[in-house]
């Protein structure tokens, strides 16, 4: 391996078109064909433009992409573990040699992309290389199913950064962040990556890390795309601002926001985060337990080991120019009113701890105040405002199963029981949605996926506003259902109507299965089109040997147990 001088601490890449050329370039861009890019690409584009991904000078070409998958390095040998690509659908109107305008979902003109290469990529091998396995339970793998199957690359000219109307004073480029940090007058900077609210354990950890190197703390929360179900960034930033203003040294700490689209890539992502923080001026980086982990896979096992990310960052620390600051689990010492690493304590130490799951379920979900030893009172109040008790939160009950398996009938029973219990409920039945929301769609795989994602989008908005929604649609493809789970977030509950094919055929009053067997209906789920059953649904029910009323009662009892319905 060649000896490399760190490319992350030098001059930052700047892809923004000079101001004197902006009007001319914008006029030219408006004559080009346009590609509307996803929110993830918008985040990547912004960080490419300002140099956060230095030394990258645009979306990766084929040589860099393949090299990153195989070796975590660009084709020239520079360490860079995460592929940054621009996927588009194959299109005869897009050809090498062309230029296209890149626009966001609101049609804002962002950049001009020269197409020098246009190469197809493979979903399964790419996902396996980046995430260690191909498993649709991973939120990004589920999302990748709807990425375009070609990568385009070439010279990139950014006309404007994506517009942000929130927390403008905290949004600094790497150049601005470096200048601010240098003004503090300390050579060492410790960066802290967070996508969660800060509690007192994080406060203790970050202060200790900065003190250990006699440096400045860069509190650098991600406000782009994080794990589905995470606390929204507005709530998180309110927490960070409160803590920085009241509990950290003003001359030793800086809060700045990072519009990063996370990949939940565990060890690879941790190295990537370290590189990004080096570009922002840090030379130390706190790597926590299961850093950037996506949780459990389809078999219920963690995707990564708890300290895999720490180990990989340590291995590459010298090359990046960032020293890893690893921390194991920290617990509260009751007798001393402080936090300490559990590995440093005697077995008989009196400790207390609250997991993230307990925060969500036993405290916020139940309407119980967080204890003062765990969270600052201002933080507890902000979280209580944003996350009311579970019986006032949104929920999505997503029925999936073969045609005739009992989805709609069971959903109707649940609807009435929920209305009786005082919850506001919306029912999105697959057949009704086809008449209104998805009128005109056929039954190809692409159209079926579009139909399910439309239902999922409506459901996510209902849940976001505290409503309860029941969705009853065949939704045959596992990855698409996982995509909807990611869209809805923490309130998603999958209900698999696992009624056997033999049973639904025998009780098919509409005769649809018989027609499909005779070839009169093509692409019928369960006959000549696959149904992919859920691997870990929240509920598994069947119409065989029971009634829809009994099935509905099972679901309602569980919702009461979880606190989504108050017992009568």
Protein backbone atom coordinates (compact mmCIF):
# COMPACT_ATOMS: atom_id res chain seq x y z
CA UNK A 1 0.00 0.00 0.00
CA UNK A 2 1.46 3.42 -0.90
CA UNK A 3 2.38 5.82 1.90
CA UNK A 4 -0.20 8.59 1.74
CA UNK A 5 -0.10 12.12 3.09
CA UNK A 6 -3.56 12.80 4.54
CA UNK A 7 -5.68 14.36 1.76
CA UNK A 8 -8.36 15.47 4.24
CA UNK A 9 -6.47 18.20 6.07
CA UNK A 10 -5.36 20.19 3.03
CA UNK A 11 -7.22 22.52 0.70
CA UNK A 12 -10.93 21.77 0.53
CA UNK A 13 -12.67 20.99 -2.75
CA UNK A 14 -15.02 23.82 -3.79
CA UNK A 15 -17.47 22.99 -6.57
CA UNK A 16 -19.54 26.19 -6.37
CA UNK A 17 -19.65 28.22 -9.56
CA UNK A 18 -17.96 31.64 -9.05
CA UNK A 19 -20.44 34.47 -8.47
CA UNK A 20 -19.38 36.30 -11.64
CA UNK A 21 -20.34 33.26 -13.75
CA UNK A 22 -23.55 32.42 -11.93
CA UNK A 23 -26.09 34.27 -14.11
CA UNK A 24 -24.62 32.90 -17.33
CA UNK A 25 -24.40 29.34 -15.97
CA UNK A 26 -27.95 29.48 -14.60
CA UNK A 27 -29.34 30.66 -17.93
CA UNK A 28 -27.50 27.82 -19.65
CA UNK A 29 -28.71 25.25 -17.11
CA UNK A 30 -32.32 26.27 -17.75
CA UNK A 31 -31.93 25.12 -21.38
CA UNK A 32 -30.78 21.62 -20.34
CA UNK A 33 -32.85 18.51 -19.68
CA UNK A 34 -33.42 18.13 -15.93
CA UNK A 35 -33.16 15.31 -13.43
CA UNK A 36 -35.09 15.66 -10.19
CA UNK A 37 -32.89 14.10 -7.53
CA UNK A 38 -33.85 12.54 -4.19
CA UNK A 39 -33.38 14.17 -0.77
CA UNK A 40 -30.41 11.82 -0.23
CA UNK A 41 -28.68 13.07 -3.37
CA UNK A 42 -29.42 16.67 -2.35
CA UNK A 43 -27.55 16.07 0.92
CA UNK A 44 -24.63 14.44 -0.92
CA UNK A 45 -24.54 17.27 -3.45
CA UNK A 46 -24.32 19.91 -0.72
CA UNK A 47 -21.46 18.15 1.09
CA UNK A 48 -19.61 17.55 -2.18
CA UNK A 49 -19.97 21.23 -3.06
CA UNK A 50 -18.53 22.60 0.18
CA UNK A 51 -15.69 20.10 0.53
CA UNK A 52 -17.05 17.94 3.35
CA UNK A 53 -16.33 14.90 1.15
CA UNK A 54 -12.87 16.10 0.07
CA UNK A 55 -10.97 14.91 -1.86
CA UNK A 56 -14.01 13.87 -3.96
CA UNK A 57 -14.69 16.28 -6.81
CA UNK A 58 -18.07 14.94 -7.79
CA UNK A 59 -20.12 11.77 -7.83
CA UNK A 60 -17.91 8.71 -8.20
CA UNK A 61 -17.05 7.26 -11.59
CA UNK A 62 -17.00 3.53 -12.21
CA UNK A 63 -13.34 3.02 -11.28
CA UNK A 64 -13.72 4.80 -7.94
CA UNK A 65 -17.04 3.11 -7.20
CA UNK A 66 -15.68 -0.41 -7.80
CA UNK A 67 -12.53 0.32 -5.85
CA UNK A 68 -14.49 1.66 -2.87
CA UNK A 69 -16.68 -1.45 -2.79
CA UNK A 70 -13.68 -3.78 -2.90
CA UNK A 71 -11.04 -1.90 -0.87
CA UNK A 72 -12.68 1.13 0.83
CA UNK A 73 -10.33 3.25 -1.29
CA UNK A 74 -10.66 5.42 -4.36
CA UNK A 75 -8.92 4.23 -7.52
CA UNK A 76 -5.85 6.35 -6.63
CA UNK A 77 -5.53 4.61 -3.25
CA UNK A 78 -7.07 7.33 -1.08
CA UNK A 79 -9.10 5.97 1.82
CA UNK A 80 -12.81 6.65 1.30
CA UNK A 81 -15.13 3.85 2.46
CA UNK A 82 -18.56 4.98 1.30
CA UNK A 83 -19.70 5.10 -2.36
CA UNK A 84 -21.09 8.51 -3.31
CA UNK A 85 -22.95 8.03 -6.58
CA UNK A 86 -25.69 9.59 -8.69
CA UNK A 87 -28.15 6.81 -9.64
CA UNK A 88 -30.69 7.39 -12.43
CA UNK A 89 -33.04 5.15 -14.35
CA UNK A 90 -31.73 3.96 -17.74
CA UNK A 91 -32.97 6.43 -20.33
CA UNK A 92 -32.13 6.64 -24.04
CA UNK A 93 -32.41 10.44 -23.73
CA UNK A 94 -29.43 10.44 -21.37
CA UNK A 95 -26.14 9.70 -23.10
CA UNK A 96 -22.42 10.29 -22.38
CA UNK A 97 -21.34 13.68 -23.66
CA UNK A 98 -24.54 15.39 -22.52
CA UNK A 99 -25.08 17.84 -19.69
CA UNK A 100 -28.12 17.77 -17.40
CA UNK A 101 -29.48 20.10 -14.74
CA UNK A 102 -29.97 18.68 -11.25
CA UNK A 103 -33.04 19.90 -9.37
CA UNK A 104 -34.53 19.10 -5.98
CA UNK A 105 -38.11 17.99 -5.24
CA UNK A 106 -39.28 21.62 -5.30
CA UNK A 107 -37.67 22.13 -8.71
CA UNK A 108 -34.91 24.36 -7.34
CA UNK A 109 -31.99 24.41 -9.78
CA UNK A 110 -28.90 23.15 -7.94
CA UNK A 111 -26.20 22.01 -10.35
CA UNK A 112 -25.02 21.10 -13.84
CA UNK A 113 -23.85 17.51 -14.25
CA UNK A 114 -21.68 16.51 -17.21
CA UNK A 115 -22.35 12.90 -18.20
CA UNK A 116 -18.95 11.37 -18.94
CA UNK A 117 -19.89 7.84 -17.81
CA UNK A 118 -23.21 6.03 -17.51
CA UNK A 119 -22.81 2.54 -16.06
CA UNK A 120 -25.27 -0.01 -14.65
CA UNK A 121 -24.78 -1.27 -11.10
CA UNK A 122 -26.03 -4.33 -9.20
CA UNK A 123 -28.16 -3.93 -6.09
CA UNK A 124 -27.29 -7.15 -4.23
CA UNK A 125 -23.53 -7.08 -4.69
CA UNK A 126 -23.35 -3.36 -3.88
CA UNK A 127 -25.40 -3.74 -0.71
CA UNK A 128 -23.42 -6.78 0.41
CA UNK A 129 -20.11 -4.96 -0.09
CA UNK A 130 -21.13 -1.78 1.73
CA UNK A 131 -23.23 -3.25 4.56
CA UNK A 132 -21.71 -6.72 4.92
CA UNK A 133 -24.84 -8.58 3.82
CA UNK A 134 -27.87 -8.22 1.58
CA UNK A 135 -30.84 -7.93 3.93
CA UNK A 136 -33.94 -5.88 3.17
CA UNK A 137 -34.40 -5.15 6.87
CA UNK A 138 -31.55 -2.66 6.54
CA UNK A 139 -33.27 0.70 5.94
CA UNK A 140 -30.89 1.81 3.17
CA UNK A 141 -31.02 -1.53 1.35
CA UNK A 142 -34.81 -1.24 1.34
CA UNK A 143 -34.45 2.25 -0.11
CA UNK A 144 -31.90 1.13 -2.71
CA UNK A 145 -34.58 -0.96 -4.44
CA UNK A 146 -36.00 2.25 -5.87
CA UNK A 147 -32.70 3.87 -6.86
CA UNK A 148 -32.03 4.17 -10.58
CA UNK A 149 -30.02 1.30 -12.01
CA UNK A 150 -27.39 3.45 -13.73
CA UNK A 151 -24.70 5.66 -12.21
CA UNK A 152 -23.81 8.83 -14.05
CA UNK A 153 -20.61 10.73 -13.34
CA UNK A 154 -18.54 13.55 -14.72
CA UNK A 155 -17.68 17.17 -14.05
CA UNK A 156 -20.02 18.74 -11.49
CA UNK A 157 -20.75 22.48 -11.25
CA UNK A 158 -22.90 23.56 -8.29
CA UNK A 159 -24.96 26.69 -8.89
CA UNK A 160 -26.44 27.02 -5.41
CA UNK A 161 -26.52 25.10 -2.16
CA UNK A 162 -29.87 23.56 -1.22
CA UNK A 163 -31.98 26.19 0.53
CA UNK A 164 -32.41 25.74 4.32
CA UNK A 165 -34.86 27.88 6.25
CA UNK A 166 -34.17 26.35 9.67
CA UNK A 167 -31.30 27.11 12.08
CA UNK A 168 -29.45 29.14 9.45
CA UNK A 169 -27.01 30.52 12.01
CA UNK A 170 -25.80 26.99 12.85
CA UNK A 171 -25.23 25.80 9.28
CA UNK A 172 -21.51 26.23 8.60
CA UNK A 173 -19.40 24.95 5.74
CA UNK A 174 -16.11 23.20 6.51
CA UNK A 175 -14.21 26.42 5.75
CA UNK A 176 -16.42 28.44 8.09
CA UNK A 177 -16.24 25.77 10.80
CA UNK A 178 -12.46 25.58 10.62
CA UNK A 179 -12.16 29.36 10.93
CA UNK A 180 -14.47 29.38 13.94
CA UNK A 181 -12.57 26.56 15.64
CA UNK A 182 -9.20 28.22 15.01
CA UNK A 183 -10.45 31.35 16.76
CA UNK A 184 -10.70 29.40 20.03
CA UNK A 185 -6.91 29.11 20.15
CA UNK A 186 -6.59 25.40 20.96
CA UNK A 187 -4.84 22.97 18.59
CA UNK A 188 -7.03 19.96 19.41
CA UNK A 189 -10.66 19.58 18.34
CA UNK A 190 -12.87 16.66 19.41
CA UNK A 191 -15.91 16.03 17.19
CA UNK A 192 -19.01 14.28 18.46
CA UNK A 193 -21.35 12.57 15.99
CA UNK A 194 -24.95 12.41 17.16
CA UNK A 195 -28.35 11.74 15.66
CA UNK A 196 -30.11 11.51 19.04
CA UNK A 197 -30.98 13.97 21.81
CA UNK A 198 -28.22 14.59 24.33
CA UNK A 199 -28.73 13.31 27.85
CA UNK A 200 -26.41 13.74 30.82
CA UNK A 201 -24.40 10.66 29.92
CA UNK A 202 -23.54 12.24 26.55
CA UNK A 203 -22.75 15.51 28.27
CA UNK A 204 -20.32 13.75 30.60
CA UNK A 205 -18.76 11.80 27.75
CA UNK A 206 -18.18 14.82 25.50
CA UNK A 207 -16.80 17.04 28.27
CA UNK A 208 -14.42 14.31 29.39
CA UNK A 209 -13.19 13.72 25.83
CA UNK A 210 -12.46 17.42 25.25
CA UNK A 211 -10.74 17.76 28.61
CA UNK A 212 -8.57 14.69 27.96
CA UNK A 213 -6.91 16.38 24.97
CA UNK A 214 -7.16 19.94 26.31
CA UNK A 215 -9.22 20.80 23.25
CA UNK A 216 -12.45 22.24 21.86
CA UNK A 217 -15.63 20.21 21.46
CA UNK A 218 -17.28 20.29 18.04
CA UNK A 219 -20.85 19.14 18.65
CA UNK A 220 -21.77 18.18 15.11
CA UNK A 221 -25.24 16.62 14.88
CA UNK A 222 -26.59 15.16 11.66
CA UNK A 223 -29.62 17.06 10.35
CA UNK A 224 -29.89 15.39 6.97
CA UNK A 225 -31.26 11.84 6.78
CA UNK A 226 -30.84 9.48 9.72
CA UNK A 227 -32.41 6.21 10.88
CA UNK A 228 -36.17 6.04 10.25
CA UNK A 229 -37.95 6.56 13.55
CA UNK A 230 -35.23 8.80 15.01
CA UNK A 231 -36.19 11.93 16.91
CA UNK A 232 -36.72 14.72 14.35
CA UNK A 233 -33.85 17.15 13.90
CA UNK A 234 -35.88 20.18 15.02
CA UNK A 235 -36.33 18.63 18.46
CA UNK A 236 -32.72 17.48 18.62
CA UNK A 237 -31.29 20.88 17.70
CA UNK A 238 -33.48 22.59 20.30
CA UNK A 239 -31.93 20.22 22.85
CA UNK A 240 -28.37 20.90 21.65
CA UNK A 241 -28.87 24.66 21.72
CA UNK A 242 -30.21 24.53 25.27
CA UNK A 243 -27.27 22.47 26.49
CA UNK A 244 -24.59 24.49 24.69
CA UNK A 245 -26.02 27.73 26.06
CA UNK A 246 -26.36 26.53 29.65
CA UNK A 247 -24.05 23.62 30.41
CA UNK A 248 -20.93 23.86 28.22
CA UNK A 249 -18.01 26.29 28.31
CA UNK A 250 -18.58 28.96 25.68
CA UNK A 251 -14.87 29.15 24.83
CA UNK A 252 -14.49 25.37 24.57
CA UNK A 253 -17.49 24.22 22.53
CA UNK A 254 -19.08 24.85 19.15
CA UNK A 255 -22.44 23.67 17.87
CA UNK A 256 -22.64 23.29 14.10
CA UNK A 257 -25.06 21.28 11.94
CA UNK A 258 -24.15 18.64 9.37
CA UNK A 259 -26.62 18.04 6.47
CA UNK A 260 -25.43 14.46 6.00
CA UNK A 261 -27.52 11.60 4.61
CA UNK A 262 -26.43 8.70 6.79
CA UNK A 263 -26.15 5.16 5.39
CA UNK A 264 -26.27 3.31 8.74
CA UNK A 265 -23.17 1.50 7.54
CA UNK A 266 -21.56 0.68 10.90
CA UNK A 267 -17.75 0.38 10.69
CA UNK A 268 -17.45 1.78 7.14
CA UNK A 269 -19.66 4.68 8.08
CA UNK A 270 -17.61 5.43 11.20
CA UNK A 271 -14.46 5.81 9.08
CA UNK A 272 -16.41 8.01 6.67
CA UNK A 273 -17.62 10.17 9.56
CA UNK A 274 -14.03 10.56 10.77
CA UNK A 275 -12.94 11.73 7.30
CA UNK A 276 -15.80 14.23 7.17
CA UNK A 277 -14.90 15.60 10.62
CA UNK A 278 -11.25 15.97 9.54
CA UNK A 279 -12.46 18.13 6.69
CA UNK A 280 -14.36 20.24 9.22
CA UNK A 281 -11.21 20.76 11.29
CA UNK A 282 -11.33 18.06 13.97
CA UNK A 283 -8.37 15.86 14.84
CA UNK A 284 -10.18 13.67 17.39
CA UNK A 285 -13.49 11.87 16.94
CA UNK A 286 -15.69 10.20 19.55
CA UNK A 287 -16.77 6.76 18.32
CA UNK A 288 -19.54 5.27 20.39
CA UNK A 289 -20.85 1.78 20.88
CA UNK A 290 -22.45 0.40 17.67
CA UNK A 291 -21.67 3.64 15.85
CA UNK A 292 -24.08 4.20 12.91
CA UNK A 293 -25.60 0.75 13.41
CA UNK A 294 -29.04 0.09 11.88
CA UNK A 295 -30.24 -2.25 14.62
CA UNK A 296 -31.16 -5.87 13.99
CA UNK A 297 -31.27 -7.81 10.72
CA UNK A 298 -34.10 -10.05 9.49
CA UNK A 299 -33.06 -12.82 11.87
CA UNK A 300 -33.12 -10.50 14.87
CA UNK A 301 -29.32 -10.31 15.18
CA UNK A 302 -27.33 -7.03 15.20
CA UNK A 303 -25.86 -6.09 11.83
CA UNK A 304 -22.51 -5.24 13.45
CA UNK A 305 -20.63 -5.98 16.63
CA UNK A 306 -20.82 -3.27 19.31
CA UNK A 307 -17.17 -2.20 18.92
CA UNK A 308 -16.50 -3.04 15.24
CA UNK A 309 -16.75 0.64 14.29
CA UNK A 310 -14.30 1.72 16.97
CA UNK A 311 -11.79 -0.90 15.86
CA UNK A 312 -11.91 0.15 12.20
CA UNK A 313 -11.50 3.87 12.97
CA UNK A 314 -8.53 3.12 15.25
CA UNK A 315 -6.94 1.07 12.46
CA UNK A 316 -7.10 4.01 10.02
CA UNK A 317 -6.64 6.90 12.47
CA UNK A 318 -3.12 7.87 11.39
CA UNK A 319 -4.01 7.89 7.72
CA UNK A 320 -7.08 10.06 8.26
CA UNK A 321 -5.37 12.38 10.71
CA UNK A 322 -8.10 11.84 13.29
CA UNK A 323 -7.52 9.97 16.53
CA UNK A 324 -10.46 7.84 17.65
CA UNK A 325 -11.77 8.52 21.14
CA UNK A 326 -13.53 5.26 21.98
CA UNK A 327 -15.94 4.99 24.89
CA UNK A 328 -17.59 1.91 26.29
CA UNK A 329 -20.93 1.98 28.10
CA UNK A 330 -21.22 4.72 30.72
CA UNK A 331 -23.47 4.44 33.78
CA UNK A 332 -24.61 6.75 36.57
CA UNK A 333 -23.01 6.31 40.00
CA UNK A 334 -25.74 6.95 42.56
CA UNK A 335 -23.40 7.53 45.48
CA UNK A 336 -21.21 10.03 43.66
CA UNK A 337 -23.71 11.77 41.33
CA UNK A 338 -21.57 11.30 38.25
CA UNK A 339 -21.15 9.11 35.16
CA UNK A 340 -18.36 6.62 34.65
CA UNK A 341 -17.40 3.90 32.17
CA UNK A 342 -18.85 0.64 33.44
CA UNK A 343 -15.62 -1.23 32.65
CA UNK A 344 -13.78 0.91 35.24
CA UNK A 345 -16.15 0.16 38.12
CA UNK A 346 -16.04 -2.56 40.79
CA UNK A 347 -18.78 -5.21 40.63
CA UNK A 348 -20.53 -3.86 43.74
CA UNK A 349 -20.84 -0.25 42.49
CA UNK A 350 -24.37 1.19 42.82
CA UNK A 351 -25.26 2.23 39.28
CA UNK A 352 -28.29 3.28 37.27
CA UNK A 353 -28.88 3.33 33.54
CA UNK A 354 -31.73 3.91 31.10
CA UNK A 355 -31.58 2.54 27.56
CA UNK A 356 -32.82 4.40 24.52
CA UNK A 357 -35.70 1.92 24.28
CA UNK A 358 -36.67 2.67 27.87
CA UNK A 359 -36.58 6.41 27.18
CA UNK A 360 -39.00 5.96 24.29
CA UNK A 361 -41.28 3.33 25.82
CA UNK A 362 -41.19 3.51 29.63
CA UNK A 363 -40.84 7.26 29.98
CA UNK A 364 -41.90 9.34 26.97
CA UNK A 365 -44.35 6.71 25.72
CA UNK A 366 -45.98 6.38 29.12
CA UNK A 367 -45.96 10.09 29.89
CA UNK A 368 -43.49 9.60 32.76
CA UNK A 369 -40.98 12.47 33.32
CA UNK A 370 -37.35 11.61 32.71
CA UNK A 371 -35.38 11.58 35.98
CA UNK A 372 -33.07 14.51 36.74
CA UNK A 373 -30.03 12.25 37.01
CA UNK A 374 -30.60 11.15 33.41
CA UNK A 375 -31.64 14.35 31.58
CA UNK A 376 -31.38 18.05 32.26
CA UNK A 377 -34.85 19.42 33.11
CA UNK A 378 -34.85 21.64 30.01
CA UNK A 379 -34.13 18.60 27.81
CA UNK A 380 -36.84 16.52 29.48
CA UNK A 381 -39.35 19.31 28.85
CA UNK A 382 -38.44 19.64 25.16
CA UNK A 383 -38.76 15.89 24.62
CA UNK A 384 -42.08 15.73 26.48
CA UNK A 385 -43.44 18.51 24.22
CA UNK A 386 -42.36 16.76 21.03
CA UNK A 387 -43.18 13.20 22.07
CA UNK A 388 -46.49 12.94 23.92
CA UNK A 389 -47.69 9.74 25.64
CA UNK A 390 -48.25 6.80 23.33
CA UNK A 391 -52.05 6.99 23.43
CA UNK A 392 -51.78 10.38 21.71
CA UNK A 393 -49.27 9.27 19.06
CA UNK A 394 -49.84 8.04 15.54
CA UNK A 395 -49.86 4.37 14.60
CA UNK A 396 -49.98 2.51 11.28
CA UNK A 397 -51.44 -1.00 11.25
CA UNK A 398 -50.22 -2.43 7.94
CA UNK A 399 -52.04 -5.58 6.80
CA UNK A 400 -50.29 -7.74 4.22
CA UNK A 401 -51.24 -11.11 2.81
CA UNK A 402 -52.71 -12.95 -0.14
CA UNK A 403 -55.92 -11.85 -1.80
CA UNK A 404 -58.79 -13.25 0.25
CA UNK A 405 -56.66 -13.88 3.33
CA UNK A 406 -58.90 -11.76 5.58
CA UNK A 407 -57.10 -8.42 5.56
CA UNK A 408 -60.04 -6.13 4.83
CA UNK A 409 -62.52 -8.00 7.01
CA UNK A 410 -60.20 -7.98 10.02
CA UNK A 411 -59.32 -4.34 9.37
CA UNK A 412 -63.01 -3.37 9.44
CA UNK A 413 -63.46 -5.05 12.82
CA UNK A 414 -60.38 -3.27 14.20
CA UNK A 415 -61.63 0.05 12.81
CA UNK A 416 -64.85 -0.16 14.76
CA UNK A 417 -63.18 -1.29 17.97
CA UNK A 418 -60.75 1.63 17.75
CA UNK A 419 -63.57 4.10 17.16
CA UNK A 420 -65.36 2.65 20.17
CA UNK A 421 -62.16 3.24 22.19
CA UNK A 422 -62.07 6.91 21.18
CA UNK A 423 -59.22 6.88 18.65
CA UNK A 424 -59.50 8.75 15.36
CA UNK A 425 -58.90 6.20 12.61
CA UNK A 426 -58.47 6.21 8.83
CA UNK A 427 -58.85 3.01 6.80
CA UNK A 428 -56.88 2.78 3.53
CA UNK A 429 -58.14 -0.37 1.85
CA UNK A 430 -56.24 -1.60 -1.19
CA UNK A 431 -59.29 -1.83 -3.47
CA UNK A 432 -60.56 1.63 -2.47
CA UNK A 433 -57.12 3.17 -2.92
CA UNK A 434 -56.93 1.70 -6.42
CA UNK A 435 -60.15 3.58 -7.24
CA UNK A 436 -58.96 6.96 -5.99
CA UNK A 437 -55.32 7.45 -5.01
CA UNK A 438 -53.85 5.00 -7.55
CA UNK A 439 -56.34 5.13 -10.38
CA UNK A 440 -54.62 4.34 -13.68
CA UNK A 441 -51.89 2.14 -12.25
CA UNK A 442 -51.62 -1.40 -13.57
CA UNK A 443 -50.30 -4.55 -11.90
CA UNK A 444 -46.70 -4.62 -13.06
CA UNK A 445 -44.10 -4.82 -10.30
CA UNK A 446 -43.27 -1.14 -10.77
CA UNK A 447 -46.94 -0.11 -10.59
CA UNK A 448 -47.57 -2.29 -7.56
CA UNK A 449 -44.61 -0.72 -5.80
CA UNK A 450 -45.84 2.77 -6.71
CA UNK A 451 -49.30 1.92 -5.33
CA UNK A 452 -47.86 0.69 -2.03
CA UNK A 453 -45.56 3.67 -1.64
CA UNK A 454 -48.47 6.04 -2.25
CA UNK A 455 -50.43 4.32 0.50
CA UNK A 456 -47.34 4.46 2.68
CA UNK A 457 -46.86 8.17 2.09
CA UNK A 458 -50.45 8.98 3.08
CA UNK A 459 -50.11 6.70 6.11
CA UNK A 460 -46.89 8.41 7.18
CA UNK A 461 -48.56 11.83 7.12
CA UNK A 462 -51.48 10.56 9.19
CA UNK A 463 -49.10 9.03 11.74
CA UNK A 464 -46.93 12.16 11.84
CA UNK A 465 -49.97 14.18 12.89
CA UNK A 466 -50.94 11.75 15.65
CA UNK A 467 -53.61 9.79 13.79
CA UNK A 468 -54.16 6.06 13.61
CA UNK A 469 -54.33 4.50 10.15
CA UNK A 470 -55.14 0.96 9.02
CA UNK A 471 -53.76 -0.08 5.62
CA UNK A 472 -55.02 -3.28 4.01
CA UNK A 473 -53.21 -4.13 0.78
CA UNK A 474 -51.59 -7.29 -0.56
CA UNK A 475 -48.20 -5.50 -0.71
CA UNK A 476 -46.44 -8.64 -1.94
CA UNK A 477 -42.81 -7.47 -1.96
CA UNK A 478 -40.74 -7.48 1.22
CA UNK A 479 -38.41 -4.63 0.25
CA UNK A 480 -41.30 -2.31 -0.60
CA UNK A 481 -42.97 -3.00 2.74
CA UNK A 482 -39.68 -2.28 4.48
CA UNK A 483 -39.47 0.96 2.54
CA UNK A 484 -42.89 1.92 3.88
CA UNK A 485 -41.82 0.93 7.41
CA UNK A 486 -38.91 3.35 7.06
CA UNK A 487 -41.22 6.08 5.74
CA UNK A 488 -43.73 5.74 8.58
CA UNK A 489 -41.14 5.30 11.34
CA UNK A 490 -41.63 4.12 14.90
CA UNK A 491 -45.43 3.80 14.70
CA UNK A 492 -45.40 1.10 11.99
CA UNK A 493 -46.83 -2.32 12.85
CA UNK A 494 -46.89 -5.07 10.23
CA UNK A 495 -49.78 -7.54 10.44
CA UNK A 496 -49.28 -10.65 8.33
CA UNK A 497 -52.51 -12.41 7.39
CA UNK A 498 -50.80 -15.77 6.96
CA UNK A 499 -53.87 -17.61 5.70
CA UNK A 500 -52.63 -20.55 3.56
CA UNK A 501 -53.05 -20.42 -0.21
CA UNK A 502 -55.09 -23.65 -0.17
CA UNK A 503 -57.58 -22.10 2.24
CA UNK A 504 -58.04 -18.81 0.35
CA UNK A 505 -58.48 -20.70 -2.93
CA UNK A 506 -61.13 -22.94 -1.40
CA UNK A 507 -63.02 -19.90 -0.03
CA UNK A 508 -62.60 -17.65 -3.08
CA UNK A 509 -66.15 -16.36 -3.62
CA UNK A 510 -65.02 -14.05 -6.45
CA UNK A 511 -63.42 -16.90 -8.41
CA UNK A 512 -60.22 -14.92 -8.97
CA UNK A 513 -57.85 -17.77 -8.14
CA UNK A 514 -59.68 -20.10 -10.52
CA UNK A 515 -59.33 -17.52 -13.29
CA UNK A 516 -55.64 -17.13 -12.50
CA UNK A 517 -55.15 -20.91 -12.61
CA UNK A 518 -56.77 -20.97 -16.04
CA UNK A 519 -54.51 -18.14 -17.24
CA UNK A 520 -57.36 -15.65 -17.59
CA UNK A 521 -55.67 -13.31 -15.09
CA UNK A 522 -51.95 -12.74 -15.46
CA UNK A 523 -49.53 -11.75 -12.70
CA UNK A 524 -51.83 -12.85 -9.89
CA UNK A 525 -50.12 -12.86 -6.49
CA UNK A 526 -49.61 -16.37 -5.16
CA UNK A 527 -50.18 -18.04 -8.54
CA UNK A 528 -47.84 -16.62 -11.20
CA UNK A 529 -46.47 -13.69 -9.22
CA UNK A 530 -44.59 -14.15 -5.93
CA UNK A 531 -45.72 -13.20 -2.45
CA UNK A 532 -42.82 -12.59 -0.06
CA UNK A 533 -44.04 -13.16 3.51
CA UNK A 534 -42.75 -10.93 6.32
CA UNK A 535 -39.79 -12.26 8.28
CA UNK A 536 -40.49 -10.52 11.60
CA UNK A 537 -44.00 -9.03 11.60
CA UNK A 538 -45.47 -7.49 14.74
CA UNK A 539 -48.54 -9.73 14.35
CA UNK A 540 -49.20 -13.01 12.54
CA UNK A 541 -52.87 -13.89 12.04
CA UNK A 542 -54.88 -16.30 9.90
CA UNK A 543 -58.49 -16.62 8.77
CA UNK A 544 -58.29 -20.39 9.02
CA UNK A 545 -59.92 -21.82 12.15
CA UNK A 546 -60.84 -18.48 13.70
CA UNK A 547 -62.92 -15.37 13.05
CA UNK A 548 -62.13 -11.83 12.01
CA UNK A 549 -63.62 -10.60 15.29
CA UNK A 550 -61.26 -12.80 17.32
CA UNK A 551 -58.26 -11.65 15.25
CA UNK A 552 -59.28 -8.03 15.73
CA UNK A 553 -59.52 -8.55 19.47
CA UNK A 554 -55.95 -9.90 19.57
CA UNK A 555 -54.67 -6.74 17.87
CA UNK A 556 -56.69 -4.41 20.10
CA UNK A 557 -55.51 -6.18 23.27
CA UNK A 558 -51.91 -5.77 22.15
CA UNK A 559 -52.43 -2.06 21.38
CA UNK A 560 -53.85 -1.60 24.89
CA UNK A 561 -50.88 -3.46 26.34
CA UNK A 562 -48.47 -1.19 24.43
CA UNK A 563 -50.32 1.94 25.56
CA UNK A 564 -51.66 3.07 22.18
CA UNK A 565 -55.21 2.69 23.51
CA UNK A 566 -56.26 3.57 27.03
CA UNK A 567 -58.07 0.70 28.76
CA UNK A 568 -61.75 1.32 29.32
